Protein backbone atom coordinates (compact mmCIF):
# COMPACT_ATOMS: atom_id res chain seq x y z
CA MET A 1 -28.96 2.49 9.43
CA ASP A 2 -28.91 4.07 6.00
CA THR A 3 -28.65 1.89 2.91
CA PRO A 4 -24.91 1.17 2.53
CA TYR A 5 -22.95 2.15 -0.56
CA SER A 6 -20.86 -0.75 -1.82
CA ILE A 7 -17.93 -1.53 -4.09
CA GLY A 8 -16.40 -4.98 -4.27
CA LYS A 9 -16.42 -6.45 -0.75
CA LEU A 10 -16.73 -3.01 0.87
CA ASN A 11 -19.76 -1.20 2.18
CA LEU A 12 -19.59 2.47 3.17
CA VAL A 13 -22.03 2.95 6.05
CA THR A 14 -22.88 5.84 8.35
CA ASP A 15 -21.05 6.02 11.67
CA ALA A 16 -21.89 7.75 14.96
CA ILE A 17 -18.33 9.07 15.46
CA SER A 18 -16.91 9.59 11.98
CA ARG A 19 -19.05 10.50 8.98
CA ASN A 20 -18.80 7.00 7.50
CA LYS A 21 -16.83 3.82 7.87
CA ALA A 22 -15.85 1.06 5.45
CA VAL A 23 -17.02 -2.39 6.50
CA VAL A 24 -16.82 -5.82 4.92
CA ALA A 25 -20.11 -6.48 3.15
CA ALA A 26 -22.59 -8.88 4.73
CA GLY A 27 -21.90 -12.46 3.71
CA GLN A 28 -18.32 -11.62 2.66
CA THR A 29 -14.98 -12.14 4.41
CA VAL A 30 -11.51 -10.81 3.67
CA SER A 31 -8.39 -12.97 4.00
CA ALA A 32 -5.04 -11.75 5.30
CA GLY A 33 -3.01 -10.34 2.40
CA GLU A 34 -6.06 -9.81 0.19
CA VAL A 35 -6.34 -6.56 -1.77
CA ILE A 36 -9.49 -4.84 -0.50
CA LEU A 37 -9.34 -1.78 -2.73
CA SER A 38 -7.06 -0.77 -5.61
CA VAL A 39 -7.26 2.79 -6.93
CA PRO A 40 -5.11 4.98 -9.21
CA SER A 41 -3.76 8.35 -8.12
CA LEU A 42 -5.60 11.50 -9.09
CA VAL A 43 -2.31 13.43 -9.06
CA THR A 44 1.11 13.00 -7.42
CA SER A 45 4.13 15.21 -6.77
CA LEU A 46 7.69 14.15 -6.07
CA LEU A 47 9.57 15.22 -2.97
CA PRO A 48 12.37 17.66 -3.98
CA LYS A 49 15.25 15.18 -3.64
CA TRP A 50 13.60 12.92 -6.21
CA ARG A 51 12.94 15.54 -8.89
CA GLY A 52 14.70 14.53 -12.10
CA LYS A 53 15.41 11.04 -10.69
CA ARG A 54 11.88 9.65 -10.82
CA CYS A 55 9.19 10.13 -13.42
CA ASP A 56 6.83 12.99 -12.56
CA LEU A 57 3.84 10.92 -13.66
CA CYS A 58 4.39 7.27 -12.73
CA CYS A 59 7.09 7.98 -10.08
CA ARG A 60 9.24 5.06 -11.26
CA ASN A 61 12.92 5.35 -10.37
CA ILE A 62 14.32 5.05 -13.90
CA PRO A 63 16.16 7.49 -16.22
CA THR A 64 14.07 10.52 -17.14
CA ARG A 65 14.17 13.41 -19.61
CA ALA A 66 13.07 16.94 -18.74
CA CYS A 67 10.15 18.67 -20.42
CA SER A 68 11.60 20.67 -23.32
CA ARG A 69 9.47 23.69 -22.43
CA CYS A 70 9.71 24.24 -18.66
CA LYS A 71 12.81 22.08 -17.97
CA GLU A 72 11.27 21.29 -14.57
CA ALA A 73 9.04 18.23 -14.99
CA SER A 74 10.78 14.99 -16.04
CA TYR A 75 9.33 11.85 -17.56
CA CYS A 76 10.53 8.31 -18.15
CA SER A 77 8.90 7.93 -21.56
CA ALA A 78 7.06 9.75 -24.31
CA ASN A 79 3.90 7.97 -23.17
CA CYS A 80 4.13 9.36 -19.63
CA GLN A 81 4.94 12.83 -20.94
CA THR A 82 1.97 12.79 -23.32
CA ARG A 83 -0.40 11.56 -20.63
CA ALA A 84 0.81 14.20 -18.17
CA TRP A 85 0.52 16.93 -20.82
CA LYS A 86 -3.08 16.03 -21.60
CA ALA A 87 -4.03 15.58 -17.94
CA HIS A 88 -2.57 18.71 -16.34
CA HIS A 89 0.96 19.70 -17.41
CA ARG A 90 -0.09 21.82 -20.41
CA ARG A 91 -1.65 24.26 -17.94
CA VAL A 92 1.11 24.04 -15.33
CA CYS A 93 4.06 24.17 -17.75
CA PRO A 94 3.86 27.96 -18.45
CA LEU A 95 3.86 28.65 -14.70
CA LEU A 96 6.98 26.53 -14.17
CA SER A 97 8.70 28.04 -17.22
CA SER A 98 8.87 31.40 -15.46
CA GLY A 99 11.36 30.04 -12.91
CA PHE A 100 8.86 29.44 -10.10
CA HIS A 101 10.89 26.56 -8.62
CA LEU A 102 13.91 28.89 -8.30
CA SER A 103 12.00 31.67 -6.54
CA HIS A 104 12.91 32.52 -2.96
CA ALA A 105 9.32 31.97 -1.81
CA PHE A 106 9.32 28.41 -3.15
CA MET A 107 12.88 27.47 -2.17
CA SER A 108 12.46 28.71 1.42
CA GLN A 109 9.74 26.14 2.06
CA SER A 110 10.33 22.70 3.57
CA ALA A 111 10.53 19.66 1.28
CA GLU A 112 6.96 18.67 2.15
CA GLU A 113 5.68 22.21 1.54
CA GLN A 114 7.36 22.28 -1.88
CA ALA A 115 5.77 18.94 -2.77
CA ASN A 116 2.39 20.21 -1.55
CA ALA A 117 2.72 23.30 -3.76
CA ASP A 118 3.49 21.13 -6.79
CA LEU A 119 0.61 18.81 -5.91
CA LEU A 120 -1.79 21.74 -5.71
CA LEU A 121 -0.53 23.04 -9.07
CA SER A 122 -1.10 19.66 -10.73
CA LEU A 123 -4.55 19.34 -9.18
CA TRP A 124 -5.46 22.79 -10.50
CA GLY A 125 -4.17 21.83 -13.96
CA LEU A 126 -6.38 18.74 -13.92
CA ALA A 127 -9.51 20.16 -12.28
CA SER A 128 -9.59 23.45 -14.22
CA GLN A 129 -10.33 21.52 -17.40
CA THR A 130 -13.65 20.24 -16.06
CA ALA A 131 -14.92 22.74 -13.46
CA GLU A 132 -15.07 26.48 -12.92
CA ASP A 133 -13.79 28.12 -9.74
CA GLU A 134 -17.32 28.90 -8.58
CA SER A 135 -18.17 25.20 -8.32
CA TRP A 136 -15.59 24.84 -5.54
CA ASP A 137 -17.56 27.20 -3.31
CA SER A 138 -20.44 24.82 -2.69
CA GLU A 139 -20.37 21.67 -0.57
CA GLU A 140 -20.64 18.38 -2.41
CA PRO A 141 -23.54 16.17 -1.29
CA ASP A 142 -22.83 12.60 -0.23
CA MET A 143 -22.69 10.31 -3.23
CA ALA A 144 -22.99 6.57 -3.76
CA LEU A 145 -19.66 4.78 -3.51
CA GLN A 146 -19.82 3.73 -7.15
CA ASP A 147 -20.28 7.38 -8.17
CA LEU A 148 -17.37 8.47 -5.99
CA ALA A 149 -15.21 5.81 -7.64
CA SER A 150 -16.13 6.93 -11.16
CA ASP A 151 -15.69 10.68 -10.52
CA PRO A 152 -12.49 11.28 -8.51
CA ILE A 153 -12.73 15.10 -8.73
CA HIS A 154 -16.16 15.08 -7.10
CA CYS A 155 -14.90 12.47 -4.65
CA PHE A 156 -12.07 14.83 -3.68
CA LYS A 157 -14.56 17.67 -3.16
CA ASN A 158 -16.58 15.31 -0.94
CA LEU A 159 -13.68 14.83 1.50
CA VAL A 160 -13.62 16.30 5.00
CA LEU A 161 -11.85 19.62 5.52
CA HIS A 162 -8.63 20.13 7.47
CA PRO A 163 -9.50 20.94 11.11
CA HIS A 164 -7.38 24.11 11.14
CA ALA A 165 -7.09 27.13 8.85
CA ARG A 166 -3.65 27.27 7.17
CA ALA A 167 -1.95 29.66 4.81
CA LEU A 168 -1.53 28.50 1.22
CA PRO A 169 1.94 27.30 0.19
CA ALA A 170 4.02 29.50 -2.10
CA LEU A 171 2.39 29.52 -5.54
CA PRO A 172 2.81 31.60 -8.73
CA ARG A 173 1.30 35.06 -8.19
CA SER A 174 -0.70 34.92 -11.40
CA LEU A 175 -2.44 31.75 -10.22
CA LEU A 176 -3.13 33.16 -6.74
CA SER A 177 -4.88 36.18 -8.22
CA SER A 178 -6.85 34.34 -10.91
CA HIS A 179 -8.06 31.21 -9.07
CA PRO A 180 -8.36 31.97 -5.33
CA LYS A 181 -11.59 30.02 -4.80
CA PHE A 182 -10.22 26.80 -6.22
CA LEU A 183 -6.87 27.08 -4.43
CA ASN A 184 -8.37 27.77 -1.01
CA SER A 185 -11.05 25.11 -1.35
CA ALA A 186 -8.64 22.43 -2.56
CA TRP A 187 -6.00 23.39 0.02
CA SER A 188 -8.54 22.98 2.83
CA ARG A 189 -8.64 19.26 1.95
CA PHE A 190 -4.85 18.75 1.84
CA ASP A 191 -2.71 16.98 4.47
CA CYS A 192 -5.64 15.31 6.24
CA ASN A 193 -6.58 13.44 3.05
CA ASN A 194 -3.38 13.06 1.03
CA PHE A 195 -1.03 10.08 1.20
CA VAL A 196 2.75 9.89 1.50
CA VAL A 197 3.83 7.54 -1.30
CA HIS A 198 6.62 5.31 -0.03
CA ASN A 199 8.26 1.93 -0.07
CA ILE A 200 9.31 -0.06 2.97
CA SER A 201 13.03 0.31 2.32
CA SER A 202 14.44 0.75 5.81
CA LEU A 203 13.59 0.44 9.47
CA GLU A 204 12.65 4.13 9.36
CA PRO A 205 9.61 4.19 7.02
CA GLU A 206 9.78 7.95 6.41
CA SER A 207 13.16 7.50 4.69
CA GLY A 208 11.37 5.47 2.01
CA ALA A 209 9.03 8.36 1.09
CA TYR A 210 9.42 9.80 -2.40
CA ALA A 211 6.13 11.53 -3.29
CA LEU A 212 2.79 12.88 -2.12
CA GLY A 213 -0.39 11.65 -3.75
CA ILE A 214 -4.13 12.21 -3.84
CA PHE A 215 -6.25 9.04 -3.84
CA PRO A 216 -9.75 10.41 -3.13
CA LEU A 217 -11.66 7.15 -2.88
CA ALA A 218 -9.24 5.65 -0.34
CA SER A 219 -9.36 8.87 1.70
CA ARG A 220 -13.16 8.81 1.62
CA CYS A 221 -13.51 5.18 2.69
CA PHE A 222 -11.05 4.34 5.44
CA ASN A 223 -10.86 5.55 9.02
CA HIS A 224 -7.73 5.45 11.17
CA SER A 225 -6.76 2.98 13.86
CA CYS A 226 -3.47 2.64 15.77
CA SER A 227 -4.12 -1.12 15.70
CA PRO A 228 -5.41 -1.44 12.12
CA ASN A 229 -6.47 -4.54 10.23
CA ALA A 230 -5.31 -3.19 6.85
CA TRP A 231 -2.58 -0.97 5.41
CA SER A 232 -1.91 1.03 2.26
CA ALA A 233 0.73 -0.12 -0.23
CA PHE A 234 1.79 1.55 -3.46
CA ARG A 235 2.45 0.01 -6.86
CA LEU A 236 4.18 1.89 -9.65
CA ARG A 237 2.85 0.96 -13.04
CA ALA A 238 3.56 2.53 -16.41
CA GLY A 239 1.72 5.83 -16.47
CA GLN A 240 0.29 5.85 -12.94
CA VAL A 241 0.76 5.24 -9.22
CA TRP A 242 -1.73 2.84 -7.66
CA LEU A 243 -2.71 2.54 -4.02
CA GLU A 244 -3.68 -0.89 -2.73
CA VAL A 245 -5.35 -1.38 0.64
CA ARG A 246 -4.37 -4.86 1.83
CA ALA A 247 -5.70 -6.83 4.77
CA LEU A 248 -3.21 -7.48 7.58
CA GLU A 249 -5.40 -10.22 9.03
CA ASN A 250 -8.60 -12.12 8.32
CA ILE A 251 -11.49 -9.64 8.55
CA PRO A 252 -14.97 -11.05 9.23
CA SER A 253 -18.24 -9.99 7.67
CA GLU A 254 -19.50 -6.51 8.65
CA ALA A 255 -16.29 -5.63 10.55
CA GLU A 256 -14.77 -2.20 9.93
CA VAL A 257 -11.66 -1.97 7.74
CA SER A 258 -9.20 0.57 9.16
CA ILE A 259 -5.72 1.75 8.18
CA PRO A 260 -3.02 3.69 10.07
CA TYR A 261 -2.72 7.36 9.14
CA LEU A 262 0.61 7.53 11.02
CA ASP A 263 3.57 5.24 11.62
CA PRO A 264 2.17 2.83 14.27
CA VAL A 265 5.50 2.79 16.13
CA LEU A 266 5.15 6.44 17.20
CA PRO A 267 4.69 6.91 20.97
CA PHE A 268 1.15 7.32 22.30
CA ARG A 269 1.41 11.05 23.04
CA GLU A 270 3.06 11.79 19.68
CA ARG A 271 0.34 9.89 17.80
CA HIS A 272 -2.43 11.73 19.60
CA LEU A 273 -0.81 15.13 19.06
CA ARG A 274 -0.43 14.54 15.31
CA LEU A 275 -3.92 13.11 14.93
CA SER A 276 -5.36 16.17 16.66
CA GLN A 277 -3.30 18.70 14.70
CA ILE A 278 -3.63 17.13 11.25
CA TYR A 279 -6.93 15.24 11.36
CA GLY A 280 -8.86 16.88 14.19
CA PHE A 281 -9.83 13.79 16.19
CA GLU A 282 -8.71 11.70 19.14
CA CYS A 283 -8.18 8.00 18.51
CA SER A 284 -10.13 5.70 20.81
CA CYS A 285 -8.97 2.33 19.47
CA LYS A 286 -8.24 -0.54 21.87
CA ARG A 287 -4.51 0.12 21.75
CA CYS A 288 -4.88 3.80 22.68
CA ASN A 289 -7.34 3.06 25.48
CA LEU A 290 -4.82 0.64 26.98
CA GLU A 291 -1.71 2.76 26.41
CA LYS A 292 -3.17 5.86 28.05
CA GLN A 293 -3.23 3.89 31.31
CA LEU A 294 0.49 3.05 31.15
CA ALA A 295 3.33 5.05 32.67
CA LEU A 296 5.10 7.48 30.35
CA PRO A 297 8.06 5.81 28.60
CA THR A 298 11.40 6.82 30.05
CA LEU A 299 14.66 7.36 28.16
CA PRO A 300 16.57 4.06 27.82
CA PRO A 301 19.65 3.91 30.07
CA GLU A 302 23.21 3.67 28.73
CA GLY A 303 23.68 0.09 27.62
CA SER A 304 20.40 -1.69 26.99
CA VAL A 305 21.33 -5.34 27.43
CA LEU A 306 18.65 -5.98 30.04
CA LEU A 307 16.00 -4.26 27.93
CA GLU A 308 17.05 -6.29 24.88
CA ALA A 309 16.79 -9.50 26.87
CA ALA A 310 13.38 -8.52 28.24
CA VAL A 311 11.84 -7.69 24.86
CA THR A 312 13.35 -10.79 23.22
CA GLU A 313 12.01 -13.09 25.92
CA ALA A 314 8.57 -11.48 25.79
CA VAL A 315 8.19 -12.34 22.10
CA PHE A 316 10.12 -15.56 21.52
CA ALA A 317 9.12 -18.50 23.69
CA SER A 318 12.70 -19.83 23.85
CA SER A 319 16.04 -19.40 22.14
CA GLU A 320 15.16 -22.34 19.88
CA GLU A 321 11.62 -21.43 18.87
CA TRP A 322 10.38 -18.54 16.72
CA GLU A 323 6.99 -18.31 18.35
CA MET A 324 5.80 -14.79 17.59
CA HIS A 325 3.14 -12.99 19.58
CA ARG A 326 0.45 -10.79 18.17
CA TRP A 327 0.81 -7.16 19.24
CA GLY A 328 -0.87 -6.32 22.51
CA ALA A 329 -0.58 -3.46 24.99
CA GLU A 330 -0.91 -6.14 27.65
CA VAL A 331 2.53 -7.47 26.67
CA LEU A 332 4.12 -4.01 26.65
CA ALA A 333 2.50 -3.20 29.99
CA ARG A 334 4.51 -6.00 31.62
CA LEU A 335 7.81 -4.69 30.26
CA PRO A 336 9.98 -1.75 31.41
CA ALA A 337 8.56 1.58 30.19
CA SER A 338 11.85 2.41 28.41
CA ILE A 339 11.05 -0.25 25.80
CA ARG A 340 8.18 1.93 24.54
CA HIS A 341 10.44 4.98 24.18
CA GLU A 342 11.18 5.88 20.54
CA GLU A 343 14.92 6.10 21.31
CA PHE A 344 15.08 2.39 22.14
CA MET A 345 14.18 1.37 18.58
CA LYS A 346 16.62 3.95 17.18
CA ILE A 347 19.41 2.59 19.41
CA LEU A 348 18.77 -1.00 18.31
CA SER A 349 18.42 -0.06 14.64
CA THR A 350 21.65 1.96 14.56
CA ARG A 351 23.62 -0.70 16.41
CA PHE A 352 22.26 -3.51 14.25
CA GLU A 353 23.07 -1.75 10.96
CA SER A 354 26.62 -1.16 12.19
CA GLN A 355 27.13 -4.71 13.46
CA VAL A 356 25.62 -6.41 10.42
CA HIS A 357 28.13 -4.63 8.16
CA ASP A 358 31.25 -4.47 10.34
CA GLY A 359 30.68 -7.08 13.04
CA PRO A 360 30.89 -8.60 15.51
CA TYR A 361 28.34 -10.78 13.77
CA ALA A 362 27.39 -12.84 16.82
CA GLU A 363 26.28 -9.62 18.51
CA ALA A 364 24.51 -8.55 15.32
CA TRP A 365 22.36 -11.67 15.62
CA LEU A 366 21.38 -10.84 19.21
CA THR A 367 20.74 -7.17 18.46
CA GLY A 368 18.75 -8.04 15.34
CA ARG A 369 16.65 -10.54 17.24
CA ALA A 370 15.83 -7.93 19.87
CA LEU A 371 14.98 -5.43 17.13
CA LEU A 372 12.70 -7.93 15.40
CA ALA A 373 11.00 -8.68 18.72
CA LEU A 374 10.43 -4.97 19.30
CA CYS A 375 8.98 -4.54 15.79
CA LEU A 376 6.61 -7.45 16.37
CA LEU A 377 5.43 -5.85 19.60
CA MET A 378 5.11 -2.28 18.35
CA TYR A 379 3.69 -2.86 14.85
CA PRO A 380 0.35 -4.48 13.96
CA LEU A 381 0.20 -8.16 13.06
CA ASN A 382 1.78 -8.89 9.65
CA TYR A 383 2.85 -5.26 9.14
CA PRO A 384 5.30 -5.28 6.20
CA ILE A 385 8.26 -3.78 8.04
CA THR A 386 8.32 -6.75 10.42
CA GLY A 387 8.65 -9.12 7.47
CA ARG A 388 11.53 -7.06 6.10
CA SER A 389 13.25 -7.08 9.50
CA MET A 390 12.95 -10.86 9.64
CA TRP A 391 14.33 -11.23 6.10
CA ILE A 392 17.41 -9.17 7.01
CA LEU A 393 17.95 -11.17 10.20
CA LEU A 394 17.63 -14.51 8.45
């Protein structure tokens, strides 16, 4: 094995399947809840519905004021505006001032495509201050982990490429004609390396998304698993968004640290389709190897009382005890296939939210308990959304 690159308790070592993997350094252990890696964003971009409501630099949800020049970017303070101006906005501002956000080409894109276009603009504004377009033509050699951490632009250029060729998002014509090498090279690393910045604010995690972000070191270090032992959280601090990779469980020395690239509750076939299309690989974690042997989940029947009872009993030892089971495909394999169907969680979630507000409250307790049991089965151990579900129920 090659000499590992290390930072903190992490080693980045070569791997036979993926290029590298992050493992706990020899002689070290990681405790559940411990922050394994904390890194600031390189650049972020707000999803369209949050423009003008959150700061374009730190993403905090507090009152903002628009840039006096372009009227498009908004900031929560003079400090954030000054930092953004020096970092990238002074180059992007003239492009936005021409009404780019109001153009048909930009407006006809999806919300995610618009955010990707803004993210690419900000990355260009940042990177063009330190590197010429020609430097984006050549492949970056592997670097020591400490060097990757200290040079996020080079770390970004060291990331794997998207498995499929894709057209660029709508961008200002002047930029497309003047910087094609940079745009195409940077775009080839989007989606499969970027993060959706979110908070766990509902039982549907995607509804808590508010921005896209580039965190090159985290993208470079961590592989995916559908049964991960860590997850990525986001902290909003004055002037910057930070990504923290936290342990979901105790991780022993030399064990790989993995995170989920997708919502772990997605059905097996949906997970594998997205992983193939976006990341270009097939997951072979223990969960996937077990789930591929199970029957396809069937649509839950009208009225799911029996399913609710089955999932509640599978998780809680008795009506008096809150004995929670660690996730395992073995448990799901013993239950009706409809429980694994994505509609079952939607049915429980919708019914619970209605009952908890309007009653009957006795039924809300039963529905909520079944929903919590399902979350504990479908999500990894200690996954944050299960804690939130329990807090609501209690």
